Amino acid sequence: MEAKAIAKWIRISPIKARLLTSQIQGKSVEEALRLTRFARVKAARIVRKCLESAIANAEHNYDMDVDALWVKEARVDKGPFWKRLRPGSRGKISIRKRRTSHITIVVSDDPRPSAAKEE
């Protein structure tokens, strides 16, 4: 069984957030929480909050055992960006893109990958 949490419109670049989510994917929930707690990146607090939401969804909605959960999928998608104007050279205007992200975390109680189930 799987439980999911999605954090949308997060004001962080997807590239910066993917550095942390690639590390927690495939790990147990306790290990993933430990990694997000001690990581020294801006995305750590945001990813940890989304991970805790996925764990709470699994426990409350599906009555899963929290100790047996692991991170099946941790994905960061691009969100829309905000355009901000800044004075450029020779009286022109340069556009700065303020990027946003959508973070999706899926936790599961089955430790096998989905490809192994089909065999």
C-alpha atoms as a PDB file:
ATOM      1  CA  MET A   1       0.000   0.000   0.000  1.00  0.00           C
ATOM      2  CA  GLU A   2       1.186   3.531  -0.719  1.00  0.00           C
ATOM      3  CA  ALA A   3       0.596   6.971   0.732  1.00  0.00           C
ATOM      4  CA  LYS A   4       1.513  10.234  -0.928  1.00  0.00           C
ATOM      5  CA  ALA A   5       2.096  13.885  -0.040  1.00  0.00           C
ATOM      6  CA  ILE A   6       2.512  16.763  -2.498  1.00  0.00           C
ATOM      7  CA  ALA A   7       3.901  20.211  -1.713  1.00  0.00           C
ATOM      8  CA  LYS A   8       3.152  22.663  -4.504  1.00  0.00           C
ATOM      9  CA  TRP A   9       4.389  26.159  -5.354  1.00  0.00           C
ATOM     10  CA  ILE A  10       7.482  25.849  -3.169  1.00  0.00           C
ATOM     11  CA  ARG A  11       9.838  28.797  -3.643  1.00  0.00           C
ATOM     12  CA  ILE A  12      13.040  26.878  -4.323  1.00  0.00           C
ATOM     13  CA  SER A  13      14.757  25.920  -7.526  1.00  0.00           C
ATOM     14  CA  PRO A  14      13.999  22.324  -8.598  1.00  0.00           C
ATOM     15  CA  ILE A  15      17.697  21.642  -9.163  1.00  0.00           C
ATOM     16  CA  LYS A  16      18.525  22.516  -5.557  1.00  0.00           C
ATOM     17  CA  ALA A  17      15.658  20.422  -4.182  1.00  0.00           C
ATOM     18  CA  ARG A  18      16.560  17.389  -6.311  1.00  0.00           C
ATOM     19  CA  LEU A  19      19.945  17.124  -4.606  1.00  0.00           C
ATOM     20  CA  LEU A  20      18.268  16.055  -1.375  1.00  0.00           C
ATOM     21  CA  THR A  21      15.337  14.054  -2.752  1.00  0.00           C
ATOM     22  CA  SER A  22      17.695  11.838  -4.762  1.00  0.00           C
ATOM     23  CA  GLN A  23      19.458  10.931  -1.509  1.00  0.00           C
ATOM     24  CA  ILE A  24      16.345   9.896   0.428  1.00  0.00           C
ATOM     25  CA  GLN A  25      14.709   7.834  -2.324  1.00  0.00           C
ATOM     26  CA  GLY A  26      14.748   4.123  -1.518  1.00  0.00           C
ATOM     27  CA  LYS A  27      15.693   4.634   2.138  1.00  0.00           C
ATOM     28  CA  SER A  28      13.680   3.734   5.213  1.00  0.00           C
ATOM     29  CA  VAL A  29      11.582   6.508   6.723  1.00  0.00           C
ATOM     30  CA  GLU A  30      13.797   6.789   9.812  1.00  0.00           C
ATOM     31  CA  GLU A  31      16.923   7.140   7.656  1.00  0.00           C
ATOM     32  CA  ALA A  32      15.223   9.701   5.389  1.00  0.00           C
ATOM     33  CA  LEU A  33      14.104  11.787   8.374  1.00  0.00           C
ATOM     34  CA  ARG A  34      17.638  11.681   9.749  1.00  0.00           C
ATOM     35  CA  LEU A  35      19.090  12.800   6.413  1.00  0.00           C
ATOM     36  CA  THR A  36      16.668  15.709   6.092  1.00  0.00           C
ATOM     37  CA  ARG A  37      17.219  16.786   9.672  1.00  0.00           C
ATOM     38  CA  PHE A  38      20.988  17.134   9.400  1.00  0.00           C
ATOM     39  CA  ALA A  39      21.327  18.231   5.768  1.00  0.00           C
ATOM     40  CA  ARG A  40      22.688  21.751   5.423  1.00  0.00           C
ATOM     41  CA  VAL A  41      20.642  22.827   2.415  1.00  0.00           C
ATOM     42  CA  LYS A  42      17.617  25.090   2.115  1.00  0.00           C
ATOM     43  CA  ALA A  43      15.452  22.267   0.760  1.00  0.00           C
ATOM     44  CA  ALA A  44      15.926  20.081   3.840  1.00  0.00           C
ATOM     45  CA  ARG A  45      13.203  21.750   5.911  1.00  0.00           C
ATOM     46  CA  ILE A  46      10.729  21.703   3.018  1.00  0.00           C
ATOM     47  CA  VAL A  47      11.390  18.071   2.061  1.00  0.00           C
ATOM     48  CA  ARG A  48      11.200  16.992   5.707  1.00  0.00           C
ATOM     49  CA  LYS A  49       7.808  18.663   6.105  1.00  0.00           C
ATOM     50  CA  CYS A  50       6.477  16.901   2.992  1.00  0.00           C
ATOM     51  CA  LEU A  51       7.931  13.571   4.180  1.00  0.00           C
ATOM     52  CA  GLU A  52       6.284  13.944   7.585  1.00  0.00           C
ATOM     53  CA  SER A  53       2.990  14.686   5.835  1.00  0.00           C
ATOM     54  CA  ALA A  54       3.308  11.493   3.760  1.00  0.00           C
ATOM     55  CA  ILE A  55       4.023   9.493   6.921  1.00  0.00           C
ATOM     56  CA  ALA A  56       1.000  11.004   8.662  1.00  0.00           C
ATOM     57  CA  ASN A  57      -1.170  10.220   5.635  1.00  0.00           C
ATOM     58  CA  ALA A  58      -0.007   6.597   5.701  1.00  0.00           C
ATOM     59  CA  GLU A  59      -0.697   6.244   9.393  1.00  0.00           C
ATOM     60  CA  HIS A  60      -4.034   8.050   9.502  1.00  0.00           C
ATOM     61  CA  ASN A  61      -5.647   7.165   6.166  1.00  0.00           C
ATOM     62  CA  TYR A  62      -4.351   3.647   5.554  1.00  0.00           C
ATOM     63  CA  ASP A  63      -3.440   2.395   9.068  1.00  0.00           C
ATOM     64  CA  MET A  64       0.107   1.496   8.023  1.00  0.00           C
ATOM     65  CA  ASP A  65       2.867   0.695  10.500  1.00  0.00           C
ATOM     66  CA  VAL A  66       5.209   3.701  10.590  1.00  0.00           C
ATOM     67  CA  ASP A  67       8.254   1.592  11.478  1.00  0.00           C
ATOM     68  CA  ALA A  68       7.872  -0.506   8.309  1.00  0.00           C
ATOM     69  CA  LEU A  69       7.603   2.421   5.872  1.00  0.00           C
ATOM     70  CA  TRP A  70      10.205   3.364   3.292  1.00  0.00           C
ATOM     71  CA  VAL A  71      10.435   6.120   0.683  1.00  0.00           C
ATOM     72  CA  LYS A  72       9.322   4.622  -2.603  1.00  0.00           C
ATOM     73  CA  GLU A  73       9.469   7.795  -4.666  1.00  0.00           C
ATOM     74  CA  ALA A  74      10.767  11.309  -4.039  1.00  0.00           C
ATOM     75  CA  ARG A  75      10.245  13.559  -7.042  1.00  0.00           C
ATOM     76  CA  VAL A  76      10.701  17.277  -7.673  1.00  0.00           C
ATOM     77  CA  ASP A  77       8.922  18.752 -10.676  1.00  0.00           C
ATOM     78  CA  LYS A  78       9.242  22.215 -12.132  1.00  0.00           C
ATOM     79  CA  GLY A  79       6.566  24.689 -11.216  1.00  0.00           C
ATOM     80  CA  PRO A  80       5.830  27.930 -12.989  1.00  0.00           C
ATOM     81  CA  PHE A  81       8.345  30.709 -12.513  1.00  0.00           C
ATOM     82  CA  TRP A  82       7.764  34.304 -11.541  1.00  0.00           C
ATOM     83  CA  LYS A  83       9.173  36.974 -13.796  1.00  0.00           C
ATOM     84  CA  ARG A  84      10.884  39.849 -12.062  1.00  0.00           C
ATOM     85  CA  LEU A  85      12.358  42.850 -13.863  1.00  0.00           C
ATOM     86  CA  ARG A  86      15.759  44.313 -13.133  1.00  0.00           C
ATOM     87  CA  PRO A  87      17.556  47.220 -14.772  1.00  0.00           C
ATOM     88  CA  GLY A  88      20.053  46.053 -17.358  1.00  0.00           C
ATOM     89  CA  SER A  89      22.845  47.659 -19.280  1.00  0.00           C
ATOM     90  CA  ARG A  90      22.278  50.607 -21.648  1.00  0.00           C
ATOM     91  CA  GLY A  91      18.766  51.323 -20.365  1.00  0.00           C
ATOM     92  CA  LYS A  92      17.413  47.845 -21.066  1.00  0.00           C
ATOM     93  CA  ILE A  93      15.562  45.547 -18.714  1.00  0.00           C
ATOM     94  CA  SER A  94      16.710  42.048 -17.838  1.00  0.00           C
ATOM     95  CA  ILE A  95      14.268  39.417 -16.656  1.00  0.00           C
ATOM     96  CA  ARG A  96      15.034  37.301 -13.571  1.00  0.00           C
ATOM     97  CA  LYS A  97      13.208  34.020 -13.202  1.00  0.00           C
ATOM     98  CA  ARG A  98      12.147  33.085  -9.679  1.00  0.00           C
ATOM     99  CA  ARG A  99      11.650  29.362  -9.947  1.00  0.00           C
ATOM    100  CA  THR A 100       9.132  27.226  -8.043  1.00  0.00           C
ATOM    101  CA  SER A 101       8.901  23.485  -7.415  1.00  0.00           C
ATOM    102  CA  HIS A 102       6.317  20.799  -6.817  1.00  0.00           C
ATOM    103  CA  ILE A 103       7.623  18.107  -4.426  1.00  0.00           C
ATOM    104  CA  THR A 104       5.996  14.658  -4.396  1.00  0.00           C
ATOM    105  CA  ILE A 105       6.906  11.988  -1.848  1.00  0.00           C
ATOM    106  CA  VAL A 106       5.414   8.484  -1.895  1.00  0.00           C
ATOM    107  CA  VAL A 107       5.931   6.108   1.043  1.00  0.00           C
ATOM    108  CA  SER A 108       5.138   2.410   0.970  1.00  0.00           C
ATOM    109  CA  ASP A 109       5.120  -0.506   3.383  1.00  0.00           C
ATOM    110  CA  ASP A 110       6.228  -3.040   0.764  1.00  0.00           C
ATOM    111  CA  PRO A 111      10.052  -3.045   0.520  1.00  0.00           C
ATOM    112  CA  ARG A 112      10.147  -4.559  -2.965  1.00  0.00           C
ATOM    113  CA  PRO A 113      10.420  -2.307  -6.015  1.00  0.00           C
ATOM    114  CA  SER A 114       7.430  -2.242  -8.333  1.00  0.00           C
ATOM    115  CA  ALA A 115       9.320  -4.115 -11.111  1.00  0.00           C
ATOM    116  CA  ALA A 116       9.883  -7.121  -8.836  1.00  0.00           C
ATOM    117  CA  LYS A 117       6.135  -7.459  -8.159  1.00  0.00           C
ATOM    118  CA  GLU A 118       5.311  -8.070 -11.822  1.00  0.00           C
ATOM    119  CA  GLU A 119       7.604 -11.101 -12.155  1.00  0.00           C
END
